[in-house]
C-alpha atoms as a PDB file:
ATOM      1  CA  MET A   1      -0.002  -0.016   0.007  1.00  0.00           C
ATOM      2  CA  ILE A   2       2.748   2.427   0.965  1.00  0.00           C
ATOM      3  CA  GLU A   3       4.647   1.481  -2.186  1.00  0.00           C
ATOM      4  CA  LEU A   4       1.586   2.274  -4.300  1.00  0.00           C
ATOM      5  CA  LEU A   5       1.287   5.714  -2.645  1.00  0.00           C
ATOM      6  CA  LEU A   6       4.961   6.564  -3.062  1.00  0.00           C
ATOM      7  CA  ASP A   7       5.716   5.033  -6.466  1.00  0.00           C
ATOM      8  CA  PRO A   8       4.041   7.778  -8.628  1.00  0.00           C
ATOM      9  CA  TRP A   9       6.163  10.494  -6.938  1.00  0.00           C
ATOM     10  CA  SER A  10       9.359   8.901  -8.306  1.00  0.00           C
ATOM     11  CA  TYR A  11       8.462  10.245 -11.762  1.00  0.00           C
ATOM     12  CA  GLY A  12       8.870  13.873 -12.727  1.00  0.00           C
ATOM     13  CA  PHE A  13       5.793  13.825 -15.043  1.00  0.00           C
ATOM     14  CA  MET A  14       3.635  12.471 -12.208  1.00  0.00           C
ATOM     15  CA  GLN A  15       4.871  15.121  -9.805  1.00  0.00           C
ATOM     16  CA  ARG A  16       3.865  17.824 -12.298  1.00  0.00           C
ATOM     17  CA  ALA A  17       0.534  16.139 -12.911  1.00  0.00           C
ATOM     18  CA  PHE A  18      -0.268  16.212  -9.147  1.00  0.00           C
ATOM     19  CA  VAL A  19       0.658  19.868  -8.838  1.00  0.00           C
ATOM     20  CA  VAL A  20      -1.337  20.984 -11.905  1.00  0.00           C
ATOM     21  CA  ALA A  21      -4.368  18.922 -10.921  1.00  0.00           C
ATOM     22  CA  VAL A  22      -4.411  20.269  -7.383  1.00  0.00           C
ATOM     23  CA  VAL A  23      -3.901  23.898  -8.430  1.00  0.00           C
ATOM     24  CA  ALA A  24      -6.617  23.646 -11.107  1.00  0.00           C
ATOM     25  CA  ALA A  25      -8.978  21.948  -8.659  1.00  0.00           C
ATOM     26  CA  VAL A  26      -8.447  24.589  -5.968  1.00  0.00           C
ATOM     27  CA  VAL A  27      -8.933  27.522  -8.361  1.00  0.00           C
ATOM     28  CA  CYS A  28     -12.024  25.957  -9.920  1.00  0.00           C
ATOM     29  CA  GLY A  29     -13.379  24.977  -6.478  1.00  0.00           C
ATOM     30  CA  VAL A  30     -13.185  28.501  -5.175  1.00  0.00           C
ATOM     31  CA  LEU A  31     -14.820  30.091  -8.227  1.00  0.00           C
ATOM     32  CA  SER A  32     -17.422  27.352  -8.435  1.00  0.00           C
ATOM     33  CA  CYS A  33     -18.983  28.552  -5.158  1.00  0.00           C
ATOM     34  CA  TRP A  34     -20.036  31.883  -6.705  1.00  0.00           C
ATOM     35  CA  LEU A  35     -21.013  30.300  -9.993  1.00  0.00           C
ATOM     36  CA  VAL A  36     -23.417  27.986  -8.205  1.00  0.00           C
ATOM     37  CA  LEU A  37     -24.872  30.768  -6.065  1.00  0.00           C
ATOM     38  CA  ILE A  38     -25.318  33.219  -8.937  1.00  0.00           C
ATOM     39  CA  GLY A  39     -26.705  30.499 -11.207  1.00  0.00           C
ATOM     40  CA  TRP A  40     -23.960  30.701 -13.814  1.00  0.00           C
ATOM     41  CA  SER A  41     -23.496  27.013 -14.402  1.00  0.00           C
ATOM     42  CA  LEU A  42     -24.458  27.386 -18.058  1.00  0.00           C
ATOM     43  CA  MET A  43     -22.164  30.407 -18.408  1.00  0.00           C
ATOM     44  CA  GLY A  44     -19.281  28.202 -17.173  1.00  0.00           C
ATOM     45  CA  ASP A  45     -20.149  25.636 -19.793  1.00  0.00           C
ATOM     46  CA  ALA A  46     -20.264  28.318 -22.465  1.00  0.00           C
ATOM     47  CA  VAL A  47     -16.907  29.854 -21.703  1.00  0.00           C
ATOM     48  CA  SER A  48     -15.162  26.496 -21.295  1.00  0.00           C
ATOM     49  CA  HIS A  49     -16.299  25.340 -24.769  1.00  0.00           C
ATOM     50  CA  ALA A  50     -15.965  28.692 -26.448  1.00  0.00           C
ATOM     51  CA  VAL A  51     -12.233  28.879 -25.858  1.00  0.00           C
ATOM     52  CA  LEU A  52     -11.493  25.922 -28.168  1.00  0.00           C
ATOM     53  CA  PRO A  53     -10.996  27.915 -31.404  1.00  0.00           C
ATOM     54  CA  GLY A  54      -8.717  30.343 -29.565  1.00  0.00           C
ATOM     55  CA  VAL A  55      -6.561  27.519 -28.279  1.00  0.00           C
ATOM     56  CA  VAL A  56      -6.294  25.970 -31.738  1.00  0.00           C
ATOM     57  CA  LEU A  57      -5.394  29.257 -33.397  1.00  0.00           C
ATOM     58  CA  ALA A  58      -2.814  29.957 -30.715  1.00  0.00           C
ATOM     59  CA  TYR A  59      -1.160  26.573 -31.488  1.00  0.00           C
ATOM     60  CA  LEU A  60      -1.217  27.309 -35.229  1.00  0.00           C
ATOM     61  CA  VAL A  61       0.564  30.689 -34.899  1.00  0.00           C
ATOM     62  CA  GLY A  62       2.940  29.501 -32.169  1.00  0.00           C
ATOM     63  CA  ALA A  63       1.502  31.643 -29.390  1.00  0.00           C
ATOM     64  CA  PRO A  64       0.829  30.519 -25.793  1.00  0.00           C
ATOM     65  CA  PHE A  65      -2.499  28.694 -25.725  1.00  0.00           C
ATOM     66  CA  ALA A  66      -3.543  30.777 -22.698  1.00  0.00           C
ATOM     67  CA  VAL A  67      -3.573  33.894 -24.823  1.00  0.00           C
ATOM     68  CA  GLY A  68      -5.921  32.387 -27.404  1.00  0.00           C
ATOM     69  CA  ALA A  69      -8.145  30.768 -24.796  1.00  0.00           C
ATOM     70  CA  LEU A  70      -8.528  34.035 -22.845  1.00  0.00           C
ATOM     71  CA  LEU A  71      -9.186  36.017 -26.009  1.00  0.00           C
ATOM     72  CA  PHE A  72     -11.982  33.751 -27.202  1.00  0.00           C
ATOM     73  CA  GLY A  73     -13.422  33.426 -23.687  1.00  0.00           C
ATOM     74  CA  LEU A  74     -13.735  37.204 -23.580  1.00  0.00           C
ATOM     75  CA  VAL A  75     -15.219  37.165 -27.162  1.00  0.00           C
ATOM     76  CA  ALA A  76     -17.821  34.681 -26.095  1.00  0.00           C
ATOM     77  CA  VAL A  77     -18.794  36.753 -23.083  1.00  0.00           C
ATOM     78  CA  GLY A  78     -19.033  39.859 -25.189  1.00  0.00           C
ATOM     79  CA  LEU A  79     -21.141  38.135 -27.830  1.00  0.00           C
ATOM     80  CA  ILE A  80     -23.546  36.782 -25.207  1.00  0.00           C
ATOM     81  CA  GLY A  81     -23.988  40.156 -23.665  1.00  0.00           C
ATOM     82  CA  ALA A  82     -24.432  41.947 -26.978  1.00  0.00           C
ATOM     83  CA  VAL A  83     -27.035  39.492 -28.323  1.00  0.00           C
ATOM     84  CA  ARG A  84     -28.877  39.275 -24.996  1.00  0.00           C
ATOM     85  CA  ASP A  85     -29.210  43.044 -24.694  1.00  0.00           C
ATOM     86  CA  ARG A  86     -30.373  43.535 -28.249  1.00  0.00           C
ATOM     87  CA  SER A  87     -32.902  40.686 -28.692  1.00  0.00           C
ATOM     88  CA  VAL A  88     -35.993  39.163 -27.084  1.00  0.00           C
ATOM     89  CA  LEU A  89     -34.182  35.879 -26.451  1.00  0.00           C
ATOM     90  CA  ARG A  90     -33.635  34.628 -22.900  1.00  0.00           C
ATOM     91  CA  GLU A  91     -30.022  34.522 -21.684  1.00  0.00           C
ATOM     92  CA  ASP A  92     -29.876  30.689 -21.631  1.00  0.00           C
ATOM     93  CA  ALA A  93     -30.913  30.579 -25.292  1.00  0.00           C
ATOM     94  CA  VAL A  94     -28.244  33.114 -26.227  1.00  0.00           C
ATOM     95  CA  ILE A  95     -25.564  31.239 -24.253  1.00  0.00           C
ATOM     96  CA  GLY A  96     -26.545  27.981 -25.954  1.00  0.00           C
ATOM     97  CA  VAL A  97     -26.269  29.526 -29.457  1.00  0.00           C
ATOM     98  CA  VAL A  98     -22.935  31.242 -28.848  1.00  0.00           C
ATOM     99  CA  PHE A  99     -21.050  28.473 -27.130  1.00  0.00           C
ATOM    100  CA  THR A 100     -22.188  25.733 -29.521  1.00  0.00           C
ATOM    101  CA  VAL A 101     -21.287  27.741 -32.590  1.00  0.00           C
ATOM    102  CA  LEU A 102     -17.861  28.691 -31.212  1.00  0.00           C
ATOM    103  CA  PHE A 103     -17.240  25.089 -30.095  1.00  0.00           C
ATOM    104  CA  ALA A 104     -18.195  23.869 -33.533  1.00  0.00           C
ATOM    105  CA  LEU A 105     -15.751  26.413 -35.015  1.00  0.00           C
ATOM    106  CA  GLY A 106     -13.047  24.967 -32.745  1.00  0.00           C
ATOM    107  CA  LEU A 107     -13.796  21.438 -33.880  1.00  0.00           C
ATOM    108  CA  VAL A 108     -13.601  22.523 -37.526  1.00  0.00           C
ATOM    109  CA  LEU A 109     -10.185  24.116 -36.882  1.00  0.00           C
ATOM    110  CA  VAL A 110      -8.990  20.969 -35.147  1.00  0.00           C
ATOM    111  CA  SER A 111     -10.025  18.907 -38.219  1.00  0.00           C
ATOM    112  CA  VAL A 112      -8.028  21.089 -40.612  1.00  0.00           C
ATOM    113  CA  VAL A 113      -4.870  21.296 -38.530  1.00  0.00           C
ATOM    114  CA  PRO A 114      -1.945  19.398 -40.195  1.00  0.00           C
ATOM    115  CA  SER A 115      -2.258  15.741 -39.391  1.00  0.00           C
ATOM    116  CA  GLN A 116       1.108  15.550 -37.695  1.00  0.00           C
ATOM    117  CA  THR A 117      -0.210  17.897 -34.956  1.00  0.00           C
ATOM    118  CA  ASP A 118      -2.253  16.064 -32.312  1.00  0.00           C
ATOM    119  CA  LEU A 119      -4.603  18.472 -30.546  1.00  0.00           C
ATOM    120  CA  SER A 120      -6.697  15.869 -28.755  1.00  0.00           C
ATOM    121  CA  HIS A 121      -5.130  16.958 -25.463  1.00  0.00           C
ATOM    122  CA  ILE A 122      -7.024  20.240 -25.841  1.00  0.00           C
ATOM    123  CA  LEU A 123     -10.313  18.399 -25.822  1.00  0.00           C
ATOM    124  CA  PHE A 124      -9.487  15.782 -23.171  1.00  0.00           C
ATOM    125  CA  GLY A 125      -6.548  17.155 -21.234  1.00  0.00           C
ATOM    126  CA  ASN A 126      -3.044  15.835 -20.925  1.00  0.00           C
ATOM    127  CA  LEU A 127      -2.101  15.723 -17.247  1.00  0.00           C
ATOM    128  CA  LEU A 128       0.722  13.326 -17.758  1.00  0.00           C
ATOM    129  CA  GLY A 129       2.237  15.407 -20.503  1.00  0.00           C
ATOM    130  CA  VAL A 130       2.551  18.651 -18.535  1.00  0.00           C
ATOM    131  CA  SER A 131       5.897  20.375 -19.229  1.00  0.00           C
ATOM    132  CA  PRO A 132       7.731  22.595 -16.787  1.00  0.00           C
ATOM    133  CA  ALA A 133       6.624  25.611 -18.902  1.00  0.00           C
ATOM    134  CA  ASP A 134       2.959  24.459 -18.656  1.00  0.00           C
ATOM    135  CA  LEU A 135       3.385  24.029 -14.950  1.00  0.00           C
ATOM    136  CA  LEU A 136       4.736  27.562 -14.559  1.00  0.00           C
ATOM    137  CA  GLN A 137       1.847  28.942 -16.602  1.00  0.00           C
ATOM    138  CA  VAL A 138      -0.718  27.163 -14.433  1.00  0.00           C
ATOM    139  CA  LEU A 139       0.911  28.298 -11.273  1.00  0.00           C
ATOM    140  CA  LEU A 140       1.104  31.950 -12.331  1.00  0.00           C
ATOM    141  CA  LEU A 141      -2.467  32.080 -13.654  1.00  0.00           C
ATOM    142  CA  GLY A 142      -3.832  30.180 -10.692  1.00  0.00           C
ATOM    143  CA  ALA A 143      -2.060  32.480  -8.214  1.00  0.00           C
ATOM    144  CA  GLY A 144      -3.351  35.497 -10.064  1.00  0.00           C
ATOM    145  CA  VAL A 145      -6.965  34.315 -10.008  1.00  0.00           C
ATOM    146  CA  LEU A 146      -6.841  33.427  -6.329  1.00  0.00           C
ATOM    147  CA  ALA A 147      -5.268  36.784  -5.430  1.00  0.00           C
ATOM    148  CA  VAL A 148      -8.006  38.715  -7.169  1.00  0.00           C
ATOM    149  CA  VAL A 149     -10.703  36.521  -5.706  1.00  0.00           C
ATOM    150  CA  LEU A 150      -9.369  36.958  -2.152  1.00  0.00           C
ATOM    151  CA  LEU A 151      -9.050  40.701  -2.590  1.00  0.00           C
ATOM    152  CA  LYS A 152     -12.616  41.124  -3.956  1.00  0.00           C
ATOM    153  CA  ARG A 153     -14.329  38.220  -2.104  1.00  0.00           C
ATOM    154  CA  ARG A 154     -16.689  40.477  -0.059  1.00  0.00           C
ATOM    155  CA  ASP A 155     -17.809  42.498  -3.105  1.00  0.00           C
ATOM    156  CA  ILE A 156     -18.316  39.362  -5.201  1.00  0.00           C
ATOM    157  CA  THR A 157     -20.305  37.681  -2.372  1.00  0.00           C
ATOM    158  CA  LEU A 158     -22.572  40.669  -1.979  1.00  0.00           C
ATOM    159  CA  TYR A 159     -23.113  40.780  -5.719  1.00  0.00           C
ATOM    160  CA  ALA A 160     -23.962  37.056  -5.683  1.00  0.00           C
ATOM    161  CA  PHE A 161     -26.608  37.387  -2.938  1.00  0.00           C
ATOM    162  CA  ASP A 162     -28.006  40.924  -3.465  1.00  0.00           C
ATOM    163  CA  PRO A 163     -26.888  42.915  -6.507  1.00  0.00           C
ATOM    164  CA  THR A 164     -29.485  45.610  -5.686  1.00  0.00           C
ATOM    165  CA  HIS A 165     -27.908  46.237  -2.309  1.00  0.00           C
ATOM    166  CA  ALA A 166     -24.444  46.126  -3.871  1.00  0.00           C
ATOM    167  CA  ARG A 167     -25.507  48.963  -6.229  1.00  0.00           C
ATOM    168  CA  ALA A 168     -27.034  50.912  -3.338  1.00  0.00           C
ATOM    169  CA  ILE A 169     -23.727  51.033  -1.428  1.00  0.00           C
ATOM    170  CA  GLY A 170     -21.746  52.191  -4.423  1.00  0.00           C
ATOM    171  CA  LEU A 171     -20.598  48.950  -6.058  1.00  0.00           C
ATOM    172  CA  SER A 172     -21.097  48.353  -9.756  1.00  0.00           C
ATOM    173  CA  PRO A 173     -22.841  45.002 -10.437  1.00  0.00           C
ATOM    174  CA  ARG A 174     -21.895  45.373 -14.097  1.00  0.00           C
ATOM    175  CA  ARG A 175     -18.200  45.677 -13.279  1.00  0.00           C
ATOM    176  CA  LEU A 176     -18.371  42.857 -10.766  1.00  0.00           C
ATOM    177  CA  SER A 177     -20.076  40.644 -13.341  1.00  0.00           C
ATOM    178  CA  ALA A 178     -17.347  41.550 -15.889  1.00  0.00           C
ATOM    179  CA  LEU A 179     -14.671  40.765 -13.281  1.00  0.00           C
ATOM    180  CA  LEU A 180     -16.233  37.374 -12.600  1.00  0.00           C
ATOM    181  CA  LEU A 181     -16.402  36.556 -16.334  1.00  0.00           C
ATOM    182  CA  VAL A 182     -12.696  37.471 -16.788  1.00  0.00           C
ATOM    183  CA  LEU A 183     -11.773  35.294 -13.800  1.00  0.00           C
ATOM    184  CA  LEU A 184     -13.908  32.510 -15.274  1.00  0.00           C
ATOM    185  CA  ALA A 185     -12.023  32.754 -18.578  1.00  0.00           C
ATOM    186  CA  LEU A 186      -8.651  32.622 -16.745  1.00  0.00           C
ATOM    187  CA  THR A 187      -9.810  29.700 -14.604  1.00  0.00           C
ATOM    188  CA  VAL A 188     -10.829  27.800 -17.694  1.00  0.00           C
ATOM    189  CA  VAL A 189      -7.290  28.314 -19.072  1.00  0.00           C
ATOM    190  CA  VAL A 190      -5.860  26.963 -15.792  1.00  0.00           C
ATOM    191  CA  ALA A 191      -8.023  23.835 -15.933  1.00  0.00           C
ATOM    192  CA  LEU A 192      -7.574  23.136 -19.600  1.00  0.00           C
ATOM    193  CA  GLN A 193      -4.266  21.425 -19.080  1.00  0.00           C
ATOM    194  CA  ALA A 194      -5.767  19.116 -16.479  1.00  0.00           C
ATOM    195  CA  VAL A 195      -9.072  17.950 -17.987  1.00  0.00           C
ATOM    196  CA  GLY A 196      -9.414  19.590 -21.382  1.00  0.00           C
ATOM    197  CA  VAL A 197     -12.206  21.635 -22.860  1.00  0.00           C
ATOM    198  CA  VAL A 198     -14.889  18.948 -22.625  1.00  0.00           C
ATOM    199  CA  LEU A 199     -14.674  18.390 -18.865  1.00  0.00           C
ATOM    200  CA  VAL A 200     -13.693  21.803 -17.600  1.00  0.00           C
ATOM    201  CA  VAL A 201     -17.305  22.677 -16.766  1.00  0.00           C
ATOM    202  CA  ALA A 202     -17.423  19.727 -14.315  1.00  0.00           C
ATOM    203  CA  MET A 203     -14.520  21.179 -12.311  1.00  0.00           C
ATOM    204  CA  LEU A 204     -16.214  24.614 -12.401  1.00  0.00           C
ATOM    205  CA  ILE A 205     -19.561  23.339 -11.002  1.00  0.00           C
ATOM    206  CA  VAL A 206     -19.301  20.054  -9.099  1.00  0.00           C
ATOM    207  CA  PRO A 207     -17.164  21.289  -6.124  1.00  0.00           C
ATOM    208  CA  GLY A 208     -19.427  24.267  -5.472  1.00  0.00           C
ATOM    209  CA  ALA A 209     -22.573  22.161  -5.861  1.00  0.00           C
ATOM    210  CA  THR A 210     -21.206  19.618  -3.436  1.00  0.00           C
ATOM    211  CA  ALA A 211     -20.218  22.274  -0.891  1.00  0.00           C
ATOM    212  CA  ARG A 212     -23.667  23.816  -1.239  1.00  0.00           C
ATOM    213  CA  LEU A 213     -25.254  20.516  -0.186  1.00  0.00           C
ATOM    214  CA  LEU A 214     -23.109  20.539   2.966  1.00  0.00           C
ATOM    215  CA  THR A 215     -23.608  24.181   4.060  1.00  0.00           C
ATOM    216  CA  ASP A 216     -25.519  27.321   3.332  1.00  0.00           C
ATOM    217  CA  ARG A 217     -22.769  29.700   4.403  1.00  0.00           C
ATOM    218  CA  ILE A 218     -20.540  31.067   1.731  1.00  0.00           C
ATOM    219  CA  TRP A 219     -17.405  31.203   3.860  1.00  0.00           C
ATOM    220  CA  ARG A 220     -17.708  27.499   4.673  1.00  0.00           C
ATOM    221  CA  MET A 221     -18.318  26.740   0.999  1.00  0.00           C
ATOM    222  CA  LEU A 222     -15.113  28.576   0.108  1.00  0.00           C
ATOM    223  CA  VAL A 223     -13.218  26.165   2.384  1.00  0.00           C
ATOM    224  CA  ILE A 224     -15.104  22.992   1.592  1.00  0.00           C
ATOM    225  CA  ALA A 225     -15.203  23.276  -2.199  1.00  0.00           C
ATOM    226  CA  PRO A 226     -11.448  23.753  -2.912  1.00  0.00           C
ATOM    227  CA  THR A 227     -10.439  21.279  -0.256  1.00  0.00           C
ATOM    228  CA  LEU A 228     -12.732  18.599  -1.566  1.00  0.00           C
ATOM    229  CA  ALA A 229     -11.723  19.344  -5.150  1.00  0.00           C
ATOM    230  CA  ALA A 230      -8.043  19.050  -4.300  1.00  0.00           C
ATOM    231  CA  LEU A 231      -8.576  15.766  -2.491  1.00  0.00           C
ATOM    232  CA  CYS A 232     -10.529  14.405  -5.451  1.00  0.00           C
ATOM    233  CA  ALA A 233      -7.699  15.516  -7.757  1.00  0.00           C
ATOM    234  CA  VAL A 234      -5.191  13.477  -5.747  1.00  0.00           C
ATOM    235  CA  VAL A 235      -7.527  10.481  -5.498  1.00  0.00           C
ATOM    236  CA  GLY A 236      -8.312  10.646  -9.214  1.00  0.00           C
ATOM    237  CA  ILE A 237      -4.630  10.653 -10.257  1.00  0.00           C
ATOM    238  CA  TYR A 238      -3.798   7.774  -7.907  1.00  0.00           C
ATOM    239  CA  ALA A 239      -6.752   5.809  -9.308  1.00  0.00           C
ATOM    240  CA  SER A 240      -5.732   6.505 -12.901  1.00  0.00           C
ATOM    241  CA  TYR A 241      -2.164   5.353 -12.091  1.00  0.00           C
ATOM    242  CA  ALA A 242      -3.378   2.166 -10.446  1.00  0.00           C
ATOM    243  CA  LEU A 243      -6.007   1.336 -13.090  1.00  0.00           C
ATOM    244  CA  ASP A 244      -4.021   2.631 -16.074  1.00  0.00           C
ATOM    245  CA  THR A 245      -6.794   5.011 -17.186  1.00  0.00           C
ATOM    246  CA  ALA A 246      -6.947   8.602 -18.370  1.00  0.00           C
ATOM    247  CA  SER A 247      -6.083  11.006 -15.477  1.00  0.00           C
ATOM    248  CA  GLY A 248      -8.283  13.974 -16.226  1.00  0.00           C
ATOM    249  CA  PRO A 249     -11.568  12.030 -16.496  1.00  0.00           C
ATOM    250  CA  MET A 250     -10.706  10.123 -13.308  1.00  0.00           C
ATOM    251  CA  VAL A 251     -10.311  13.403 -11.424  1.00  0.00           C
ATOM    252  CA  VAL A 252     -13.781  14.476 -12.629  1.00  0.00           C
ATOM    253  CA  LEU A 253     -15.188  11.016 -11.811  1.00  0.00           C
ATOM    254  CA  ALA A 254     -13.796  11.323  -8.234  1.00  0.00           C
ATOM    255  CA  GLN A 255     -15.571  14.713  -7.902  1.00  0.00           C
ATOM    256  CA  GLY A 256     -18.826  13.239  -9.238  1.00  0.00           C
ATOM    257  CA  THR A 257     -18.529  10.339  -6.793  1.00  0.00           C
ATOM    258  CA  ALA A 258     -18.089  12.757  -3.870  1.00  0.00           C
ATOM    259  CA  PHE A 259     -21.159  14.696  -5.042  1.00  0.00           C
ATOM    260  CA  ALA A 260     -23.239  11.509  -5.229  1.00  0.00           C
ATOM    261  CA  VAL A 261     -22.106  10.346  -1.755  1.00  0.00           C
ATOM    262  CA  VAL A 262     -22.951  13.779  -0.200  1.00  0.00           C
ATOM    263  CA  HIS A 263     -26.307  13.880  -1.997  1.00  0.00           C
ATOM    264  CA  LEU A 264     -27.315  10.373  -0.997  1.00  0.00           C
ATOM    265  CA  ALA A 265     -26.241  11.032   2.598  1.00  0.00           C
ATOM    266  CA  GLY A 266     -28.415  14.095   2.639  1.00  0.00           C
ATOM    267  CA  LEU A 267     -31.405  12.078   1.355  1.00  0.00           C
ATOM    268  CA  VAL A 268     -30.833   9.491   4.097  1.00  0.00           C
ATOM    269  CA  ARG A 269     -30.666  12.176   6.808  1.00  0.00           C
ATOM    270  CA  ALA A 270     -33.834  13.798   5.466  1.00  0.00           C
ATOM    271  CA  SER A 271     -35.736  10.495   5.418  1.00  0.00           C
ATOM    272  CA  ARG A 272     -34.665   9.714   8.987  1.00  0.00           C
ATOM    273  CA  ARG A 273     -35.815  13.130  10.242  1.00  0.00           C
ATOM    274  CA  LYS A 274     -39.135  12.672   8.439  1.00  0.00           C
ATOM    275  CA  ALA A 275     -39.556   9.194  10.011  1.00  0.00           C
ATOM    276  CA  LEU A 276     -38.882  10.550  13.518  1.00  0.00           C
ATOM    277  CA  ALA A 277     -41.186  13.551  13.083  1.00  0.00           C
END
């Protein structure tokens, strides 16, 4: 058992995989609390899929993929806002149109990339192929997002619960919304290396949703969500090493399992209280 726990750490690529997975999990876990409270789950899905064409274009021109991902994440957010404000469509319909079209554009770009360039890791992640440069990028972006979140946590929390009151005391809900969207785009870039475009939304939603089942206080959620997400990241990588499976999906599967356990435990407690009443 001890040998199984220590063996992965003897490889440099596994060490980098653990660090990237934990950093991505913590950043996503923190932001997921506010996404769940505000009701931006679909927005997280939109931004995570919309960055695909930016990542592909960045690879084609030799630029850092973070630049392309951030650019198209902001483009997606701008398009959603522009169409929403100038049409009779509901926001969920606009989000669905924008993110599916941009995701389709990304898939088309992937299909026309020269055959010797394998971009499947953009879609599904490549934890075991993280380079030292990728690791540095994830650490810098993750630290930046967490620093801004910690600095503005009270304002963001007030906006999440009562935007009207936030406006009354001099805060700008529009600016706070824009800040959250920028942080969301950066967080997607952080998590791309771990789980890829397809599964990023799970890391952005599942930790916050799980924490919400355990508590109704935002400060506790902000501790529970990243802690649980980091633990699931470690468990997922160990499981993928032992079972010889893909690492990114195993991390998400571990988070989904934690959510299921918490949800079922809540149902059991509720049924017991009802039986005793």
